[in-house]
Amino acid sequence: MKATDFTHDDCQLGEHKRVSYSALRREYRCNGCGGRIVIRYDGLGWYACCGRCDGTDFIHEAELQRQKAEAIEVLDGLPEELRELVERRV
């Protein structure tokens, strides 16, 4: 989800949800690298980005954990040769 419409205290996350900066930092991660979200002011206004890669696409931490758990289940269901091949690439 992309963050838009920044104010001093919160931002619009996705289409219909306003989120405080503290909730954004606490509950969301970067969808690209999994890094934590930081809030910055650049002289023109507030914005949120990943503290690690400066990405701006965010995912709720619970959703990230669910996706990781599903990936583990998929890997466990693969034949051993394929699982080893995939694990080497990750």
N, C-alpha and C. Protein backbone atom coordinates (compact mmCIF):
# COMPACT_ATOMS: atom_id res chain seq x y z
N MET A 1 0.83 -1.17 0.00
CA MET A 1 0.00 0.00 0.00
C MET A 1 0.88 1.24 0.00
N LYS A 2 0.47 2.19 -0.71
CA LYS A 2 1.19 3.46 -0.78
C LYS A 2 0.59 4.45 0.22
N ALA A 3 1.46 5.22 0.85
CA ALA A 3 1.03 6.27 1.77
C ALA A 3 0.96 7.59 1.00
N THR A 4 -0.13 8.32 1.22
CA THR A 4 -0.33 9.61 0.55
C THR A 4 -0.97 10.58 1.54
N ASP A 5 -1.24 11.81 1.11
CA ASP A 5 -1.97 12.82 1.87
C ASP A 5 -1.41 12.97 3.29
N PHE A 6 -0.16 13.37 3.40
CA PHE A 6 0.53 13.48 4.67
C PHE A 6 0.14 14.76 5.40
N THR A 7 -0.12 14.63 6.69
CA THR A 7 -0.33 15.78 7.57
C THR A 7 0.76 15.73 8.63
N HIS A 8 0.66 16.58 9.61
CA HIS A 8 1.66 16.58 10.68
C HIS A 8 1.59 15.30 11.51
N ASP A 9 0.40 14.69 11.65
CA ASP A 9 0.20 13.56 12.56
C ASP A 9 -0.10 12.22 11.90
N ASP A 10 -0.60 12.23 10.66
CA ASP A 10 -0.99 10.97 10.05
C ASP A 10 -0.93 11.05 8.53
N CYS A 11 -1.28 9.94 7.89
CA CYS A 11 -1.30 9.89 6.43
C CYS A 11 -2.41 8.95 5.97
N GLN A 12 -2.71 9.03 4.70
CA GLN A 12 -3.68 8.14 4.07
C GLN A 12 -2.91 6.91 3.61
N LEU A 13 -3.37 5.73 4.01
CA LEU A 13 -2.72 4.50 3.60
C LEU A 13 -3.71 3.69 2.79
N GLY A 14 -3.36 3.42 1.55
CA GLY A 14 -4.31 2.78 0.66
C GLY A 14 -5.35 3.80 0.22
N GLU A 15 -6.56 3.32 0.01
CA GLU A 15 -7.61 4.21 -0.50
C GLU A 15 -8.46 4.84 0.58
N HIS A 16 -8.70 4.13 1.70
CA HIS A 16 -9.72 4.60 2.64
C HIS A 16 -9.27 4.65 4.09
N LYS A 17 -8.01 4.48 4.39
CA LYS A 17 -7.61 4.35 5.78
C LYS A 17 -6.57 5.40 6.16
N ARG A 18 -6.87 6.18 7.20
CA ARG A 18 -5.90 7.11 7.75
C ARG A 18 -5.17 6.41 8.88
N VAL A 19 -3.85 6.55 8.92
CA VAL A 19 -3.03 5.86 9.90
C VAL A 19 -2.09 6.88 10.54
N SER A 20 -2.00 6.84 11.86
CA SER A 20 -1.06 7.73 12.55
C SER A 20 0.36 7.27 12.24
N TYR A 21 1.29 8.19 12.36
CA TYR A 21 2.68 7.84 12.08
C TYR A 21 3.19 6.80 13.07
N SER A 22 2.76 6.87 14.32
CA SER A 22 3.22 5.88 15.29
C SER A 22 2.72 4.49 14.92
N ALA A 23 1.46 4.38 14.47
CA ALA A 23 0.93 3.08 14.03
C ALA A 23 1.64 2.60 12.77
N LEU A 24 1.94 3.52 11.87
CA LEU A 24 2.63 3.15 10.64
C LEU A 24 4.02 2.59 10.96
N ARG A 25 4.73 3.23 11.85
CA ARG A 25 6.07 2.75 12.23
C ARG A 25 6.00 1.43 13.00
N ARG A 26 4.98 1.27 13.82
CA ARG A 26 4.86 0.10 14.69
C ARG A 26 4.32 -1.12 13.95
N GLU A 27 3.34 -0.95 13.08
CA GLU A 27 2.59 -2.07 12.52
C GLU A 27 2.90 -2.42 11.07
N TYR A 28 3.63 -1.57 10.37
CA TYR A 28 3.85 -1.80 8.94
C TYR A 28 5.33 -1.98 8.65
N ARG A 29 5.61 -2.70 7.54
CA ARG A 29 6.98 -2.94 7.08
C ARG A 29 7.04 -2.62 5.60
N CYS A 30 8.26 -2.48 5.09
CA CYS A 30 8.46 -2.27 3.66
C CYS A 30 8.09 -3.55 2.93
N ASN A 31 7.31 -3.42 1.87
CA ASN A 31 6.91 -4.59 1.10
C ASN A 31 8.06 -5.12 0.24
N GLY A 32 9.07 -4.31 0.02
CA GLY A 32 10.20 -4.76 -0.79
C GLY A 32 11.25 -5.52 0.00
N CYS A 33 11.70 -4.94 1.12
CA CYS A 33 12.81 -5.55 1.86
C CYS A 33 12.46 -5.95 3.29
N GLY A 34 11.26 -5.58 3.76
CA GLY A 34 10.86 -5.92 5.12
C GLY A 34 11.38 -4.96 6.18
N GLY A 35 12.01 -3.87 5.75
CA GLY A 35 12.56 -2.89 6.69
C GLY A 35 11.48 -2.09 7.41
N ARG A 36 11.88 -1.43 8.48
CA ARG A 36 10.97 -0.60 9.26
C ARG A 36 10.71 0.73 8.56
N ILE A 37 9.56 1.31 8.85
CA ILE A 37 9.13 2.56 8.25
C ILE A 37 9.64 3.73 9.10
N VAL A 38 10.13 4.75 8.43
CA VAL A 38 10.54 5.98 9.10
C VAL A 38 9.74 7.14 8.51
N ILE A 39 9.54 8.16 9.34
CA ILE A 39 8.82 9.37 8.91
C ILE A 39 9.84 10.48 8.80
N ARG A 40 9.83 11.19 7.68
CA ARG A 40 10.80 12.26 7.45
C ARG A 40 10.10 13.53 7.01
N TYR A 41 10.77 14.63 7.24
CA TYR A 41 10.31 15.93 6.76
C TYR A 41 11.40 16.50 5.87
N ASP A 42 11.07 16.84 4.64
CA ASP A 42 12.08 17.28 3.68
C ASP A 42 12.08 18.78 3.41
N GLY A 43 11.41 19.55 4.26
CA GLY A 43 11.32 20.99 4.04
C GLY A 43 10.08 21.38 3.27
N LEU A 44 9.54 20.46 2.50
CA LEU A 44 8.31 20.70 1.76
C LEU A 44 7.12 20.01 2.40
N GLY A 45 7.38 18.98 3.17
CA GLY A 45 6.29 18.24 3.82
C GLY A 45 6.78 16.93 4.39
N TRP A 46 5.87 16.24 5.05
CA TRP A 46 6.16 14.95 5.66
C TRP A 46 6.03 13.84 4.63
N TYR A 47 6.80 12.78 4.81
CA TYR A 47 6.65 11.59 3.98
C TYR A 47 7.16 10.38 4.75
N ALA A 48 6.73 9.20 4.33
CA ALA A 48 7.13 7.95 4.96
C ALA A 48 7.89 7.12 3.94
N CYS A 49 8.92 6.43 4.42
CA CYS A 49 9.69 5.55 3.55
C CYS A 49 10.35 4.47 4.39
N CYS A 50 10.89 3.48 3.73
CA CYS A 50 11.62 2.42 4.41
C CYS A 50 12.95 2.97 4.88
N GLY A 51 13.31 2.70 6.12
CA GLY A 51 14.58 3.15 6.65
C GLY A 51 15.77 2.43 6.04
N ARG A 52 15.54 1.29 5.42
CA ARG A 52 16.62 0.49 4.84
C ARG A 52 16.82 0.78 3.36
N CYS A 53 15.73 0.79 2.58
CA CYS A 53 15.88 0.89 1.12
C CYS A 53 15.18 2.12 0.53
N ASP A 54 14.55 2.95 1.36
CA ASP A 54 13.79 4.14 0.92
C ASP A 54 12.56 3.79 0.10
N GLY A 55 12.10 2.53 0.16
CA GLY A 55 10.89 2.12 -0.54
C GLY A 55 9.65 2.80 0.04
N THR A 56 8.60 2.90 -0.75
CA THR A 56 7.38 3.55 -0.31
C THR A 56 6.15 2.66 -0.41
N ASP A 57 6.33 1.38 -0.64
CA ASP A 57 5.23 0.42 -0.70
C ASP A 57 5.26 -0.37 0.61
N PHE A 58 4.17 -0.29 1.39
CA PHE A 58 4.15 -0.86 2.73
C PHE A 58 3.16 -2.02 2.83
N ILE A 59 3.40 -2.90 3.81
CA ILE A 59 2.54 -4.03 4.08
C ILE A 59 2.40 -4.16 5.59
N HIS A 60 1.21 -4.53 6.04
CA HIS A 60 1.00 -4.72 7.48
C HIS A 60 1.84 -5.90 7.94
N GLU A 61 2.43 -5.79 9.11
CA GLU A 61 3.33 -6.82 9.61
C GLU A 61 2.64 -8.18 9.72
N ALA A 62 1.37 -8.21 10.11
CA ALA A 62 0.63 -9.48 10.20
C ALA A 62 0.50 -10.13 8.82
N GLU A 63 0.27 -9.32 7.80
CA GLU A 63 0.17 -9.85 6.43
C GLU A 63 1.52 -10.38 5.97
N LEU A 64 2.59 -9.69 6.30
CA LEU A 64 3.93 -10.15 5.96
C LEU A 64 4.22 -11.50 6.61
N GLN A 65 3.86 -11.64 7.88
CA GLN A 65 4.08 -12.91 8.58
C GLN A 65 3.23 -14.03 7.97
N ARG A 66 2.00 -13.71 7.58
CA ARG A 66 1.13 -14.71 6.94
C ARG A 66 1.74 -15.17 5.61
N GLN A 67 2.26 -14.24 4.83
CA GLN A 67 2.88 -14.61 3.56
C GLN A 67 4.11 -15.47 3.77
N LYS A 68 4.91 -15.16 4.79
CA LYS A 68 6.09 -15.98 5.08
C LYS A 68 5.68 -17.39 5.49
N ALA A 69 4.64 -17.51 6.32
CA ALA A 69 4.17 -18.82 6.76
C ALA A 69 3.65 -19.63 5.57
N GLU A 70 2.93 -18.98 4.66
CA GLU A 70 2.44 -19.68 3.47
C GLU A 70 3.59 -20.14 2.59
N ALA A 71 4.64 -19.32 2.49
CA ALA A 71 5.80 -19.70 1.68
C ALA A 71 6.48 -20.93 2.27
N ILE A 72 6.57 -21.00 3.59
CA ILE A 72 7.17 -22.17 4.24
C ILE A 72 6.33 -23.41 3.96
N GLU A 73 5.00 -23.28 4.01
CA GLU A 73 4.13 -24.42 3.71
C GLU A 73 4.31 -24.90 2.28
N VAL A 74 4.43 -23.95 1.36
CA VAL A 74 4.63 -24.33 -0.05
C VAL A 74 5.96 -25.05 -0.21
N LEU A 75 7.01 -24.52 0.41
CA LEU A 75 8.32 -25.17 0.33
C LEU A 75 8.29 -26.58 0.91
N ASP A 76 7.59 -26.74 2.04
CA ASP A 76 7.50 -28.05 2.67
C ASP A 76 6.78 -29.07 1.79
N GLY A 77 5.89 -28.60 0.92
CA GLY A 77 5.14 -29.50 0.06
C GLY A 77 5.86 -29.88 -1.23
N LEU A 78 6.98 -29.24 -1.50
CA LEU A 78 7.72 -29.53 -2.73
C LEU A 78 8.59 -30.78 -2.57
N PRO A 79 8.86 -31.45 -3.67
CA PRO A 79 9.83 -32.55 -3.61
C PRO A 79 11.19 -31.99 -3.16
N GLU A 80 11.98 -32.82 -2.53
CA GLU A 80 13.24 -32.36 -1.92
C GLU A 80 14.17 -31.68 -2.92
N GLU A 81 14.25 -32.19 -4.14
CA GLU A 81 15.15 -31.59 -5.13
C GLU A 81 14.73 -30.16 -5.46
N LEU A 82 13.43 -29.94 -5.64
CA LEU A 82 12.94 -28.59 -5.94
C LEU A 82 13.11 -27.67 -4.74
N ARG A 83 12.84 -28.18 -3.55
CA ARG A 83 12.97 -27.36 -2.34
C ARG A 83 14.41 -26.89 -2.18
N GLU A 84 15.37 -27.78 -2.38
CA GLU A 84 16.78 -27.40 -2.27
C GLU A 84 17.15 -26.35 -3.31
N LEU A 85 16.63 -26.50 -4.53
CA LEU A 85 16.90 -25.53 -5.59
C LEU A 85 16.35 -24.15 -5.20
N VAL A 86 15.14 -24.10 -4.69
CA VAL A 86 14.53 -22.82 -4.30
C VAL A 86 15.27 -22.22 -3.12
N GLU A 87 15.62 -23.02 -2.12
CA GLU A 87 16.31 -22.51 -0.94
C GLU A 87 17.68 -21.96 -1.28
N ARG A 88 18.35 -22.50 -2.27
CA ARG A 88 19.65 -21.98 -2.70
C ARG A 88 19.52 -20.60 -3.31
N ARG A 89 18.40 -20.33 -3.98
CA ARG A 89 18.18 -19.04 -4.64
C ARG A 89 17.76 -17.97 -3.65
N VAL A 90 17.21 -18.36 -2.50
CA VAL A 90 16.74 -17.39 -1.51
C VAL A 90 17.87 -17.06 -0.63
